[in-house]
Amino acid sequence: MLSPLTRRNLTLSYGYAACAFFGINTLWVIFLQQQGLSLVEIGLCESVFHLTSFLSEVPSGVIADRFGYRPVLIISRLMAIGHTLIMLTAHSLGWLLLAFNPTSLGV
Protein backbone atom coordinates (compact mmCIF):
# COMPACT_ATOMS: atom_id res chain seq x y z
CA MET A 1 0.00 0.00 0.00
CA LEU A 2 1.29 3.44 -0.88
CA SER A 3 1.71 6.07 1.78
CA PRO A 4 -0.25 9.34 1.48
CA LEU A 5 2.99 11.22 0.71
CA THR A 6 3.85 8.80 -2.10
CA ARG A 7 0.34 9.12 -3.55
CA ARG A 8 0.59 12.92 -3.42
CA ASN A 9 3.99 12.86 -5.13
CA LEU A 10 2.71 10.52 -7.83
CA THR A 11 -0.31 12.74 -8.45
CA LEU A 12 1.91 15.81 -8.73
CA SER A 13 4.31 13.94 -11.01
CA TYR A 14 1.48 12.89 -13.32
CA GLY A 15 0.23 16.48 -13.43
CA TYR A 16 3.69 17.75 -14.29
CA ALA A 17 4.11 15.12 -17.00
CA ALA A 18 0.77 16.12 -18.53
CA CYS A 19 1.81 19.77 -18.59
CA ALA A 20 5.28 18.93 -19.90
CA PHE A 21 3.81 17.33 -22.99
CA PHE A 22 1.20 20.02 -23.55
CA GLY A 23 2.29 21.60 -26.77
CA ILE A 24 3.30 21.15 -30.34
CA ASN A 25 7.03 21.19 -29.75
CA THR A 26 7.81 18.20 -31.92
CA LEU A 27 5.71 19.33 -34.87
CA TRP A 28 6.15 23.09 -34.80
CA VAL A 29 8.06 23.35 -38.11
CA ILE A 30 5.28 21.54 -39.96
CA PHE A 31 2.69 23.64 -38.14
CA LEU A 32 4.44 26.88 -39.12
CA GLN A 33 4.69 25.76 -42.75
CA GLN A 34 0.95 25.06 -42.73
CA GLN A 35 0.41 28.56 -41.35
CA GLY A 36 2.07 29.89 -44.51
CA LEU A 37 5.48 30.90 -43.16
CA SER A 38 8.48 30.66 -45.43
CA LEU A 39 11.58 28.73 -44.45
CA VAL A 40 13.35 32.04 -43.70
CA GLU A 41 10.56 33.06 -41.31
CA ILE A 42 10.64 29.64 -39.65
CA GLY A 43 14.41 30.01 -39.27
CA LEU A 44 13.87 33.43 -37.70
CA CYS A 45 11.45 31.91 -35.18
CA GLU A 46 13.97 29.21 -34.35
CA SER A 47 16.71 31.83 -33.97
CA VAL A 48 14.56 33.77 -31.49
CA PHE A 49 13.95 30.54 -29.56
CA HIS A 50 17.65 29.66 -29.33
CA LEU A 51 18.72 33.21 -28.51
CA THR A 52 16.15 33.39 -25.70
CA SER A 53 17.26 30.00 -24.45
CA PHE A 54 20.91 31.07 -24.43
CA LEU A 55 20.25 34.40 -22.71
CA SER A 56 17.94 32.95 -20.05
CA GLU A 57 20.03 29.94 -19.01
CA VAL A 58 22.01 31.63 -16.23
CA PRO A 59 19.23 33.93 -14.97
CA SER A 60 16.83 31.00 -14.64
CA GLY A 61 19.45 29.13 -12.61
CA VAL A 62 19.92 32.14 -10.35
CA ILE A 63 16.16 32.41 -9.86
CA ALA A 64 15.99 28.68 -9.06
CA ASP A 65 18.80 29.07 -6.52
CA ARG A 66 17.05 32.05 -4.92
CA PHE A 67 13.43 30.85 -4.87
CA GLY A 68 13.77 27.09 -5.26
CA TYR A 69 13.49 24.66 -8.12
CA ARG A 70 9.78 23.96 -7.75
CA PRO A 71 8.51 27.54 -8.37
CA VAL A 72 10.78 27.85 -11.42
CA LEU A 73 9.52 24.51 -12.71
CA ILE A 74 5.90 25.64 -12.30
CA ILE A 75 6.60 28.97 -14.01
CA SER A 76 8.36 27.12 -16.82
CA ARG A 77 5.35 24.89 -17.45
CA LEU A 78 2.97 27.86 -17.38
CA MET A 79 5.17 29.65 -19.92
CA ALA A 80 5.19 26.56 -22.14
CA ILE A 81 1.40 26.42 -22.02
CA GLY A 82 1.27 30.14 -22.84
CA HIS A 83 3.66 29.55 -25.75
CA THR A 84 1.41 26.84 -27.12
CA LEU A 85 -1.75 28.91 -26.80
CA ILE A 86 -0.13 31.90 -28.54
CA MET A 87 1.19 29.67 -31.34
CA LEU A 88 -2.20 28.09 -31.92
CA THR A 89 -3.99 31.44 -32.09
CA ALA A 90 -1.33 33.55 -33.84
CA HIS A 91 -1.87 34.59 -37.44
CA SER A 92 1.17 36.78 -38.04
CA LEU A 93 4.94 36.51 -37.81
CA GLY A 94 5.06 39.06 -34.98
CA TRP A 95 2.82 37.00 -32.74
CA LEU A 96 4.76 33.84 -33.54
CA LEU A 97 8.04 35.56 -32.66
CA LEU A 98 6.44 36.67 -29.40
CA ALA A 99 5.35 33.09 -28.75
CA PHE A 100 8.88 31.80 -29.11
CA ASN A 101 10.28 34.21 -26.50
CA PRO A 102 8.93 32.68 -23.26
CA THR A 103 9.32 29.10 -24.46
CA SER A 104 12.74 28.56 -22.99
CA LEU A 105 12.57 30.87 -19.99
CA GLY A 106 12.81 29.08 -16.72
CA VAL A 107 13.72 25.76 -18.28
PDB file of N, CA and C in Angstrom:
ATOM      1  N   MET A   1       0.832  -1.177   0.000  1.00  0.00           N
ATOM      2  CA  MET A   1       0.000   0.000   0.000  1.00  0.00           C
ATOM      3  C   MET A   1       0.881   1.246   0.000  1.00  0.00           C
ATOM      4  N   LEU A   2       0.505   2.217  -0.777  1.00  0.00           N
ATOM      5  CA  LEU A   2       1.286   3.444  -0.881  1.00  0.00           C
ATOM      6  C   LEU A   2       0.931   4.409   0.239  1.00  0.00           C
ATOM      7  N   SER A   3       1.943   5.078   0.736  1.00  0.00           N
ATOM      8  CA  SER A   3       1.711   6.067   1.784  1.00  0.00           C
ATOM      9  C   SER A   3       1.048   7.306   1.171  1.00  0.00           C
ATOM     10  N   PRO A   4       0.388   8.114   2.007  1.00  0.00           N
ATOM     11  CA  PRO A   4      -0.248   9.338   1.480  1.00  0.00           C
ATOM     12  C   PRO A   4       0.750  10.279   0.798  1.00  0.00           C
ATOM     13  N   LEU A   5       1.972  10.358   1.317  1.00  0.00           N
ATOM     14  CA  LEU A   5       2.986  11.220   0.711  1.00  0.00           C
ATOM     15  C   LEU A   5       3.381  10.705  -0.674  1.00  0.00           C
ATOM     16  N   THR A   6       3.511   9.390  -0.801  1.00  0.00           N
ATOM     17  CA  THR A   6       3.850   8.799  -2.100  1.00  0.00           C
ATOM     18  C   THR A   6       2.725   9.026  -3.096  1.00  0.00           C
ATOM     19  N   ARG A   7       1.488   8.873  -2.665  1.00  0.00           N
ATOM     20  CA  ARG A   7       0.341   9.124  -3.552  1.00  0.00           C
ATOM     21  C   ARG A   7       0.316  10.577  -4.017  1.00  0.00           C
ATOM     22  N   ARG A   8       0.569  11.486  -3.077  1.00  0.00           N
ATOM     23  CA  ARG A   8       0.589  12.917  -3.422  1.00  0.00           C
ATOM     24  C   ARG A   8       1.679  13.202  -4.444  1.00  0.00           C
ATOM     25  N   ASN A   9       2.880  12.648  -4.201  1.00  0.00           N
ATOM     26  CA  ASN A   9       3.986  12.862  -5.131  1.00  0.00           C
ATOM     27  C   ASN A   9       3.700  12.278  -6.511  1.00  0.00           C
ATOM     28  N   LEU A  10       3.071  11.117  -6.547  1.00  0.00           N
ATOM     29  CA  LEU A  10       2.710  10.515  -7.834  1.00  0.00           C
ATOM     30  C   LEU A  10       1.688  11.368  -8.567  1.00  0.00           C
ATOM     31  N   THR A  11       0.710  11.877  -7.842  1.00  0.00           N
ATOM     32  CA  THR A  11      -0.307  12.738  -8.454  1.00  0.00           C
ATOM     33  C   THR A  11       0.331  13.996  -9.025  1.00  0.00           C
ATOM     34  N   LEU A  12       1.219  14.611  -8.247  1.00  0.00           N
ATOM     35  CA  LEU A  12       1.908  15.811  -8.733  1.00  0.00           C
ATOM     36  C   LEU A  12       2.801  15.498  -9.932  1.00  0.00           C
ATOM     37  N   SER A  13       3.444  14.340  -9.891  1.00  0.00           N
ATOM     38  CA  SER A  13       4.306  13.943 -11.006  1.00  0.00           C
ATOM     39  C   SER A  13       3.497  13.717 -12.285  1.00  0.00           C
ATOM     40  N   TYR A  14       2.339  13.092 -12.155  1.00  0.00           N
ATOM     41  CA  TYR A  14       1.475  12.889 -13.325  1.00  0.00           C
ATOM     42  C   TYR A  14       0.995  14.231 -13.880  1.00  0.00           C
ATOM     43  N   GLY A  15       0.651  15.146 -12.996  1.00  0.00           N
ATOM     44  CA  GLY A  15       0.229  16.480 -13.428  1.00  0.00           C
ATOM     45  C   GLY A  15       1.337  17.215 -14.163  1.00  0.00           C
ATOM     46  N   TYR A  16       2.554  17.111 -13.629  1.00  0.00           N
ATOM     47  CA  TYR A  16       3.690  17.754 -14.295  1.00  0.00           C
ATOM     48  C   TYR A  16       3.940  17.127 -15.659  1.00  0.00           C
ATOM     49  N   ALA A  17       3.885  15.800 -15.725  1.00  0.00           N
ATOM     50  CA  ALA A  17       4.113  15.125 -17.004  1.00  0.00           C
ATOM     51  C   ALA A  17       3.065  15.534 -18.035  1.00  0.00           C
ATOM     52  N   ALA A  18       1.820  15.686 -17.605  1.00  0.00           N
ATOM     53  CA  ALA A  18       0.766  16.115 -18.527  1.00  0.00           C
ATOM     54  C   ALA A  18       1.044  17.517 -19.044  1.00  0.00           C
ATOM     55  N   CYS A  19       1.490  18.399 -18.169  1.00  0.00           N
ATOM     56  CA  CYS A  19       1.810  19.770 -18.591  1.00  0.00           C
ATOM     57  C   CYS A  19       3.074  19.814 -19.433  1.00  0.00           C
ATOM     58  N   ALA A  20       4.012  18.928 -19.153  1.00  0.00           N
ATOM     59  CA  ALA A  20       5.276  18.926 -19.896  1.00  0.00           C
ATOM     60  C   ALA A  20       5.054  18.550 -21.355  1.00  0.00           C
ATOM     61  N   PHE A  21       4.058  17.739 -21.623  1.00  0.00           N
ATOM     62  CA  PHE A  21       3.811  17.326 -22.993  1.00  0.00           C
ATOM     63  C   PHE A  21       2.674  18.093 -23.641  1.00  0.00           C
ATOM     64  N   PHE A  22       2.228  19.165 -22.989  1.00  0.00           N
ATOM     65  CA  PHE A  22       1.201  20.024 -23.550  1.00  0.00           C
ATOM     66  C   PHE A  22       1.869  20.954 -24.533  1.00  0.00           C
ATOM     67  N   GLY A  23       1.661  20.726 -25.787  1.00  0.00           N
ATOM     68  CA  GLY A  23       2.290  21.597 -26.767  1.00  0.00           C
ATOM     69  C   GLY A  23       2.485  20.915 -28.097  1.00  0.00           C
ATOM     70  N   ILE A  24       3.058  21.670 -29.001  1.00  0.00           N
ATOM     71  CA  ILE A  24       3.298  21.150 -30.344  1.00  0.00           C
ATOM     72  C   ILE A  24       4.791  21.205 -30.648  1.00  0.00           C
ATOM     73  N   ASN A  25       5.588  21.015 -29.608  1.00  0.00           N
ATOM     74  CA  ASN A  25       7.031  21.188 -29.746  1.00  0.00           C
ATOM     75  C   ASN A  25       7.651  20.300 -30.814  1.00  0.00           C
ATOM     76  N   THR A  26       7.179  19.096 -30.958  1.00  0.00           N
ATOM     77  CA  THR A  26       7.815  18.198 -31.915  1.00  0.00           C
ATOM     78  C   THR A  26       7.362  18.440 -33.347  1.00  0.00           C
ATOM     79  N   LEU A  27       6.245  19.126 -33.531  1.00  0.00           N
ATOM     80  CA  LEU A  27       5.709  19.331 -34.873  1.00  0.00           C
ATOM     81  C   LEU A  27       5.627  20.800 -35.268  1.00  0.00           C
ATOM     82  N   TRP A  28       6.359  21.666 -34.581  1.00  0.00           N
ATOM     83  CA  TRP A  28       6.154  23.090 -34.804  1.00  0.00           C
ATOM     84  C   TRP A  28       6.607  23.548 -36.175  1.00  0.00           C
ATOM     85  N   VAL A  29       7.615  22.937 -36.769  1.00  0.00           N
ATOM     86  CA  VAL A  29       8.057  23.350 -38.105  1.00  0.00           C
ATOM     87  C   VAL A  29       6.962  23.061 -39.130  1.00  0.00           C
ATOM     88  N   ILE A  30       6.375  21.891 -39.043  1.00  0.00           N
ATOM     89  CA  ILE A  30       5.285  21.537 -39.958  1.00  0.00           C
ATOM     90  C   ILE A  30       4.100  22.474 -39.733  1.00  0.00           C
ATOM     91  N   PHE A  31       3.800  22.744 -38.467  1.00  0.00           N
ATOM     92  CA  PHE A  31       2.692  23.640 -38.138  1.00  0.00           C
ATOM     93  C   PHE A  31       2.930  25.029 -38.730  1.00  0.00           C
ATOM     94  N   LEU A  32       4.145  25.541 -38.590  1.00  0.00           N
ATOM     95  CA  LEU A  32       4.444  26.876 -39.118  1.00  0.00           C
ATOM     96  C   LEU A  32       4.385  26.903 -40.642  1.00  0.00           C
ATOM     97  N   GLN A  33       4.802  25.828 -41.289  1.00  0.00           N
ATOM     98  CA  GLN A  33       4.686  25.759 -42.750  1.00  0.00           C
ATOM     99  C   GLN A  33       3.219  25.765 -43.164  1.00  0.00           C
ATOM    100  N   GLN A  34       2.381  25.077 -42.422  1.00  0.00           N
ATOM    101  CA  GLN A  34       0.952  25.060 -42.734  1.00  0.00           C
ATOM    102  C   GLN A  34       0.300  26.412 -42.469  1.00  0.00           C
ATOM    103  N   GLN A  35       0.913  27.216 -41.597  1.00  0.00           N
ATOM    104  CA  GLN A  35       0.406  28.562 -41.346  1.00  0.00           C
ATOM    105  C   GLN A  35       0.832  29.537 -42.442  1.00  0.00           C
ATOM    106  N   GLY A  36       1.674  29.070 -43.375  1.00  0.00           N
ATOM    107  CA  GLY A  36       2.068  29.892 -44.507  1.00  0.00           C
ATOM    108  C   GLY A  36       3.398  30.606 -44.349  1.00  0.00           C
ATOM    109  N   LEU A  37       4.184  30.260 -43.346  1.00  0.00           N
ATOM    110  CA  LEU A  37       5.480  30.903 -43.161  1.00  0.00           C
ATOM    111  C   LEU A  37       6.506  30.302 -44.113  1.00  0.00           C
ATOM    112  N   SER A  38       7.395  31.139 -44.581  1.00  0.00           N
ATOM    113  CA  SER A  38       8.480  30.657 -45.433  1.00  0.00           C
ATOM    114  C   SER A  38       9.556  30.023 -44.562  1.00  0.00           C
ATOM    115  N   LEU A  39      10.501  29.350 -45.209  1.00  0.00           N
ATOM    116  CA  LEU A  39      11.584  28.732 -44.450  1.00  0.00           C
ATOM    117  C   LEU A  39      12.443  29.776 -43.743  1.00  0.00           C
ATOM    118  N   VAL A  40      12.591  30.954 -44.337  1.00  0.00           N
ATOM    119  CA  VAL A  40      13.354  32.035 -43.699  1.00  0.00           C
ATOM    120  C   VAL A  40      12.637  32.490 -42.432  1.00  0.00           C
ATOM    121  N   GLU A  41      11.326  32.645 -42.493  1.00  0.00           N
ATOM    122  CA  GLU A  41      10.563  33.061 -41.306  1.00  0.00           C
ATOM    123  C   GLU A  41      10.591  31.992 -40.226  1.00  0.00           C
ATOM    124  N   ILE A  42      10.542  30.739 -40.616  1.00  0.00           N
ATOM    125  CA  ILE A  42      10.645  29.644 -39.649  1.00  0.00           C
ATOM    126  C   ILE A  42      12.026  29.655 -39.005  1.00  0.00           C
ATOM    127  N   GLY A  43      13.050  29.898 -39.803  1.00  0.00           N
ATOM    128  CA  GLY A  43      14.408  30.008 -39.267  1.00  0.00           C
ATOM    129  C   GLY A  43      14.536  31.180 -38.306  1.00  0.00           C
ATOM    130  N   LEU A  44      13.863  32.284 -38.597  1.00  0.00           N
ATOM    131  CA  LEU A  44      13.875  33.435 -37.701  1.00  0.00           C
ATOM    132  C   LEU A  44      13.215  33.073 -36.369  1.00  0.00           C
ATOM    133  N   CYS A  45      12.107  32.362 -36.418  1.00  0.00           N
ATOM    134  CA  CYS A  45      11.448  31.912 -35.184  1.00  0.00           C
ATOM    135  C   CYS A  45      12.374  31.007 -34.376  1.00  0.00           C
ATOM    136  N   GLU A  46      13.048  30.106 -35.042  1.00  0.00           N
ATOM    137  CA  GLU A  46      13.971  29.210 -34.347  1.00  0.00           C
ATOM    138  C   GLU A  46      15.147  29.992 -33.767  1.00  0.00           C
ATOM    139  N   SER A  47      15.611  31.000 -34.483  1.00  0.00           N
ATOM    140  CA  SER A  47      16.705  31.833 -33.969  1.00  0.00           C
ATOM    141  C   SER A  47      16.289  32.565 -32.695  1.00  0.00           C
ATOM    142  N   VAL A  48      15.066  33.094 -32.692  1.00  0.00           N
ATOM    143  CA  VAL A  48      14.562  33.765 -31.492  1.00  0.00           C
ATOM    144  C   VAL A  48      14.491  32.774 -30.336  1.00  0.00           C
ATOM    145  N   PHE A  49      14.034  31.567 -30.599  1.00  0.00           N
ATOM    146  CA  PHE A  49      13.955  30.545 -29.561  1.00  0.00           C
ATOM    147  C   PHE A  49      15.329  30.251 -28.968  1.00  0.00           C
ATOM    148  N   HIS A  50      16.318  30.022 -29.829  1.00  0.00           N
ATOM    149  CA  HIS A  50      17.648  29.657 -29.333  1.00  0.00           C
ATOM    150  C   HIS A  50      18.344  30.835 -28.653  1.00  0.00           C
ATOM    151  N   LEU A  51      18.140  32.031 -29.146  1.00  0.00           N
ATOM    152  CA  LEU A  51      18.724  33.208 -28.505  1.00  0.00           C
ATOM    153  C   LEU A  51      18.113  33.410 -27.117  1.00  0.00           C
ATOM    154  N   THR A  52      16.812  33.277 -27.005  1.00  0.00           N
ATOM    155  CA  THR A  52      16.149  33.391 -25.702  1.00  0.00           C
ATOM    156  C   THR A  52      16.633  32.306 -24.754  1.00  0.00           C
ATOM    157  N   SER A  53      16.773  31.104 -25.262  1.00  0.00           N
ATOM    158  CA  SER A  53      17.261  29.996 -24.447  1.00  0.00           C
ATOM    159  C   SER A  53      18.665  30.278 -23.932  1.00  0.00           C
ATOM    160  N   PHE A  54      19.524  30.765 -24.803  1.00  0.00           N
ATOM    161  CA  PHE A  54      20.910  31.075 -24.432  1.00  0.00           C
ATOM    162  C   PHE A  54      20.967  32.187 -23.389  1.00  0.00           C
ATOM    163  N   LEU A  55      20.197  33.243 -23.605  1.00  0.00           N
ATOM    164  CA  LEU A  55      20.250  34.399 -22.709  1.00  0.00           C
ATOM    165  C   LEU A  55      19.555  34.152 -21.364  1.00  0.00           C
ATOM    166  N   SER A  56      18.667  33.179 -21.294  1.00  0.00           N
ATOM    167  CA  SER A  56      17.943  32.946 -20.045  1.00  0.00           C
ATOM    168  C   SER A  56      18.483  31.780 -19.235  1.00  0.00           C
ATOM    169  N   GLU A  57      19.511  31.118 -19.717  1.00  0.00           N
ATOM    170  CA  GLU A  57      20.029  29.939 -19.014  1.00  0.00           C
ATOM    171  C   GLU A  57      20.555  30.291 -17.624  1.00  0.00           C
ATOM    172  N   VAL A  58      21.441  31.249 -17.528  1.00  0.00           N
ATOM    173  CA  VAL A  58      22.015  31.629 -16.234  1.00  0.00           C
ATOM    174  C   VAL A  58      20.983  32.324 -15.340  1.00  0.00           C
ATOM    175  N   PRO A  59      20.223  33.309 -15.852  1.00  0.00           N
ATOM    176  CA  PRO A  59      19.234  33.932 -14.965  1.00  0.00           C
ATOM    177  C   PRO A  59      18.209  32.949 -14.398  1.00  0.00           C
ATOM    178  N   SER A  60      17.794  31.963 -15.173  1.00  0.00           N
ATOM    179  CA  SER A  60      16.826  31.001 -14.641  1.00  0.00           C
ATOM    180  C   SER A  60      17.459  30.149 -13.546  1.00  0.00           C
ATOM    181  N   GLY A  61      18.744  29.859 -13.669  1.00  0.00           N
ATOM    182  CA  GLY A  61      19.448  29.129 -12.614  1.00  0.00           C
ATOM    183  C   GLY A  61      19.569  29.955 -11.344  1.00  0.00           C
ATOM    184  N   VAL A  62      19.835  31.240 -11.509  1.00  0.00           N
ATOM    185  CA  VAL A  62      19.924  32.136 -10.349  1.00  0.00           C
ATOM    186  C   VAL A  62      18.572  32.234  -9.655  1.00  0.00           C
ATOM    187  N   ILE A  63      17.507  32.343 -10.438  1.00  0.00           N
ATOM    188  CA  ILE A  63      16.159  32.412  -9.864  1.00  0.00           C
ATOM    189  C   ILE A  63      15.837  31.104  -9.139  1.00  0.00           C
ATOM    190  N   ALA A  64      16.230  29.973  -9.719  1.00  0.00           N
ATOM    191  CA  ALA A  64      15.990  28.685  -9.065  1.00  0.00           C
ATOM    192  C   ALA A  64      16.784  28.582  -7.767  1.00  0.00           C
ATOM    193  N   ASP A  65      18.013  29.084  -7.745  1.00  0.00           N
ATOM    194  CA  ASP A  65      18.799  29.073  -6.516  1.00  0.00           C
ATOM    195  C   ASP A  65      18.173  29.969  -5.457  1.00  0.00           C
ATOM    196  N   ARG A  66      17.611  31.069  -5.870  1.00  0.00           N
ATOM    197  CA  ARG A  66      17.050  32.047  -4.921  1.00  0.00           C
ATOM    198  C   ARG A  66      15.686  31.613  -4.399  1.00  0.00           C
ATOM    199  N   PHE A  67      14.809  31.144  -5.262  1.00  0.00           N
ATOM    200  CA  PHE A  67      13.429  30.848  -4.870  1.00  0.00           C
ATOM    201  C   PHE A  67      13.113  29.360  -4.818  1.00  0.00           C
ATOM    202  N   GLY A  68      14.006  28.530  -5.274  1.00  0.00           N
ATOM    203  CA  GLY A  68      13.771  27.093  -5.263  1.00  0.00           C
ATOM    204  C   GLY A  68      13.444  26.568  -6.656  1.00  0.00           C
ATOM    205  N   TYR A  69      13.682  25.288  -6.825  1.00  0.00           N
ATOM    206  CA  TYR A  69      13.494  24.656  -8.120  1.00  0.00           C
ATOM    207  C   TYR A  69      12.015  24.516  -8.472  1.00  0.00           C
ATOM    208  N   ARG A  70      11.196  24.215  -7.481  1.00  0.00           N
ATOM    209  CA  ARG A  70       9.780  23.964  -7.749  1.00  0.00           C
ATOM    210  C   ARG A  70       9.060  25.177  -8.344  1.00  0.00           C
ATOM    211  N   PRO A  71       9.202  26.385  -7.764  1.00  0.00           N
ATOM    212  CA  PRO A  71       8.511  27.536  -8.374  1.00  0.00           C
ATOM    213  C   PRO A  71       8.973  27.810  -9.810  1.00  0.00           C
ATOM    214  N   VAL A  72      10.268  27.632 -10.060  1.00  0.00           N
ATOM    215  CA  VAL A  72      10.778  27.850 -11.418  1.00  0.00           C
ATOM    216  C   VAL A  72      10.221  26.796 -12.369  1.00  0.00           C
ATOM    217  N   LEU A  73      10.087  25.587 -11.890  1.00  0.00           N
ATOM    218  CA  LEU A  73       9.515  24.513 -12.708  1.00  0.00           C
ATOM    219  C   LEU A  73       8.058  24.811 -13.046  1.00  0.00           C
ATOM    220  N   ILE A  74       7.309  25.295 -12.069  1.00  0.00           N
ATOM    221  CA  ILE A  74       5.904  25.636 -12.300  1.00  0.00           C
ATOM    222  C   ILE A  74       5.792  26.790 -13.291  1.00  0.00           C
ATOM    223  N   ILE A  75       6.608  27.821 -13.101  1.00  0.00           N
ATOM    224  CA  ILE A  75       6.596  28.969 -14.015  1.00  0.00           C
ATOM    225  C   ILE A  75       6.974  28.521 -15.428  1.00  0.00           C
ATOM    226  N   SER A  76       7.936  27.626 -15.517  1.00  0.00           N
ATOM    227  CA  SER A  76       8.365  27.115 -16.815  1.00  0.00           C
ATOM    228  C   SER A  76       7.221  26.420 -17.542  1.00  0.00           C
ATOM    229  N   ARG A  77       6.470  25.589 -16.829  1.00  0.00           N
ATOM    230  CA  ARG A  77       5.347  24.887 -17.448  1.00  0.00           C
ATOM    231  C   ARG A  77       4.260  25.866 -17.864  1.00  0.00           C
ATOM    232  N   LEU A  78       3.981  26.861 -17.022  1.00  0.00           N
ATOM    233  CA  LEU A  78       2.972  27.864 -17.375  1.00  0.00           C
ATOM    234  C   LEU A  78       3.386  28.639 -18.622  1.00  0.00           C
ATOM    235  N   MET A  79       4.684  28.947 -18.732  1.00  0.00           N
ATOM    236  CA  MET A  79       5.171  29.647 -19.925  1.00  0.00           C
ATOM    237  C   MET A  79       5.065  28.759 -21.161  1.00  0.00           C
ATOM    238  N   ALA A  80       5.320  27.477 -20.998  1.00  0.00           N
ATOM    239  CA  ALA A  80       5.192  26.562 -22.138  1.00  0.00           C
ATOM    240  C   ALA A  80       3.738  26.463 -22.596  1.00  0.00           C
ATOM    241  N   ILE A  81       2.816  26.447 -21.654  1.00  0.00           N
ATOM    242  CA  ILE A  81       1.398  26.421 -22.018  1.00  0.00           C
ATOM    243  C   ILE A  81       1.020  27.727 -22.718  1.00  0.00           C
ATOM    244  N   GLY A  82       1.524  28.849 -22.195  1.00  0.00           N
ATOM    245  CA  GLY A  82       1.272  30.139 -22.840  1.00  0.00           C
ATOM    246  C   GLY A  82       1.832  30.181 -24.254  1.00  0.00           C
ATOM    247  N   HIS A  83       3.032  29.632 -24.433  1.00  0.00           N
ATOM    248  CA  HIS A  83       3.655  29.551 -25.755  1.00  0.00           C
ATOM    249  C   HIS A  83       2.758  28.789 -26.725  1.00  0.00           C
ATOM    250  N   THR A  84       2.248  27.663 -26.260  1.00  0.00           N
ATOM    251  CA  THR A  84       1.410  26.835 -27.123  1.00  0.00           C
ATOM    252  C   THR A  84       0.120  27.558 -27.494  1.00  0.00           C
ATOM    253  N   LEU A  85      -0.498  28.204 -26.516  1.00  0.00           N
ATOM    254  CA  LEU A  85      -1.746  28.910 -26.799  1.00  0.00           C
ATOM    255  C   LEU A  85      -1.528  30.068 -27.766  1.00  0.00           C
ATOM    256  N   ILE A  86      -0.427  30.800 -27.603  1.00  0.00           N
ATOM    257  CA  ILE A  86      -0.131  31.896 -28.542  1.00  0.00           C
ATOM    258  C   ILE A  86       0.136  31.345 -29.935  1.00  0.00           C
ATOM    259  N   MET A  87       0.890  30.245 -30.019  1.00  0.00           N
ATOM    260  CA  MET A  87       1.185  29.668 -31.337  1.00  0.00           C
ATOM    261  C   MET A  87      -0.078  29.195 -32.042  1.00  0.00           C
ATOM    262  N   LEU A  88      -0.992  28.607 -31.297  1.00  0.00           N
ATOM    263  CA  LEU A  88      -2.202  28.085 -31.919  1.00  0.00           C
ATOM    264  C   LEU A  88      -3.158  29.177 -32.362  1.00  0.00           C
ATOM    265  N   THR A  89      -3.075  30.353 -31.743  1.00  0.00           N
ATOM    266  CA  THR A  89      -3.994  31.435 -32.092  1.00  0.00           C
ATOM    267  C   THR A  89      -3.347  32.532 -32.927  1.00  0.00           C
ATOM    268  N   ALA A  90      -2.038  32.496 -33.103  1.00  0.00           N
ATOM    269  CA  ALA A  90      -1.331  33.546 -33.838  1.00  0.00           C
ATOM    270  C   ALA A  90      -1.576  33.416 -35.338  1.00  0.00           C
ATOM    271  N   HIS A  91      -1.679  34.585 -35.985  1.00  0.00           N
ATOM    272  CA  HIS A  91      -1.870  34.593 -37.436  1.00  0.00           C
ATOM    273  C   HIS A  91      -0.897  35.536 -38.133  1.00  0.00           C
ATOM    274  N   SER A  92       0.170  35.928 -37.413  1.00  0.00           N
ATOM    275  CA  SER A  92       1.174  36.784 -38.042  1.00  0.00           C
ATOM    276  C   SER A  92       2.548  36.419 -37.488  1.00  0.00           C
ATOM    277  N   LEU A  93       3.565  36.811 -38.213  1.00  0.00           N
ATOM    278  CA  LEU A  93       4.937  36.507 -37.806  1.00  0.00           C
ATOM    279  C   LEU A  93       5.265  37.166 -36.477  1.00  0.00           C
ATOM    280  N   GLY A  94       4.788  38.366 -36.234  1.00  0.00           N
ATOM    281  CA  GLY A  94       5.063  39.062 -34.982  1.00  0.00           C
ATOM    282  C   GLY A  94       4.573  38.298 -33.764  1.00  0.00           C
ATOM    283  N   TRP A  95       3.358  37.772 -33.850  1.00  0.00           N
ATOM    284  CA  TRP A  95       2.822  36.997 -32.737  1.00  0.00           C
ATOM    285  C   TRP A  95       3.584  35.691 -32.559  1.00  0.00           C
ATOM    286  N   LEU A  96       3.992  35.090 -33.656  1.00  0.00           N
ATOM    287  CA  LEU A  96       4.760  33.844 -33.542  1.00  0.00           C
ATOM    288  C   LEU A  96       6.126  34.101 -32.914  1.00  0.00           C
ATOM    289  N   LEU A  97       6.757  35.219 -33.283  1.00  0.00           N
ATOM    290  CA  LEU A  97       8.039  35.563 -32.657  1.00  0.00           C
ATOM    291  C   LEU A  97       7.843  35.821 -31.162  1.00  0.00           C
ATOM    292  N   LEU A  98       6.752  36.453 -30.804  1.00  0.00           N
ATOM    293  CA  LEU A  98       6.442  36.675 -29.396  1.00  0.00           C
ATOM    294  C   LEU A  98       6.231  35.336 -28.682  1.00  0.00           C
ATOM    295  N   ALA A  99       5.601  34.401 -29.354  1.00  0.00           N
ATOM    296  CA  ALA A  99       5.348  33.089 -28.752  1.00  0.00           C
ATOM    297  C   ALA A  99       6.645  32.349 -28.470  1.00  0.00           C
ATOM    298  N   PHE A 100       7.639  32.529 -29.300  1.00  0.00           N
ATOM    299  CA  PHE A 100       8.884  31.804 -29.105  1.00  0.00           C
ATOM    300  C   PHE A 100       9.763  32.395 -28.013  1.00  0.00           C
ATOM    301  N   ASN A 101       9.487  33.615 -27.557  1.00  0.00           N
ATOM    302  CA  ASN A 101      10.281  34.211 -26.496  1.00  0.00           C
ATOM    303  C   ASN A 101      10.169  33.484 -25.171  1.00  0.00           C
ATOM    304  N   PRO A 102       8.974  33.285 -24.610  1.00  0.00           N
ATOM    305  CA  PRO A 102       8.932  32.679 -23.263  1.00  0.00           C
ATOM    306  C   PRO A 102       9.112  31.177 -23.237  1.00  0.00           C
ATOM    307  N   THR A 103       9.252  30.556 -24.403  1.00  0.00           N
ATOM    308  CA  THR A 103       9.319  29.101 -24.456  1.00  0.00           C
ATOM    309  C   THR A 103      10.440  28.551 -23.587  1.00  0.00           C
ATOM    310  N   SER A 104      11.605  29.141 -23.666  1.00  0.00           N
ATOM    311  CA  SER A 104      12.741  28.563 -22.993  1.00  0.00           C
ATOM    312  C   SER A 104      13.056  29.220 -21.656  1.00  0.00           C
ATOM    313  N   LEU A 105      12.306  30.232 -21.273  1.00  0.00           N
ATOM    314  CA  LEU A 105      12.572  30.871 -19.992  1.00  0.00           C
ATOM    315  C   LEU A 105      12.213  29.938 -18.853  1.00  0.00           C
ATOM    316  N   GLY A 106      13.080  29.883 -17.910  1.00  0.00           N
ATOM    317  CA  GLY A 106      12.811  29.082 -16.722  1.00  0.00           C
ATOM    318  C   GLY A 106      13.037  27.601 -16.903  1.00  0.00           C
ATOM    319  N   VAL A 107      13.520  27.188 -18.042  1.00  0.00           N
ATOM    320  CA  VAL A 107      13.717  25.763 -18.281  1.00  0.00           C
ATOM    321  C   VAL A 107      15.071  25.346 -17.764  1.00  0.00           C
TER     322      VAL A 107
END
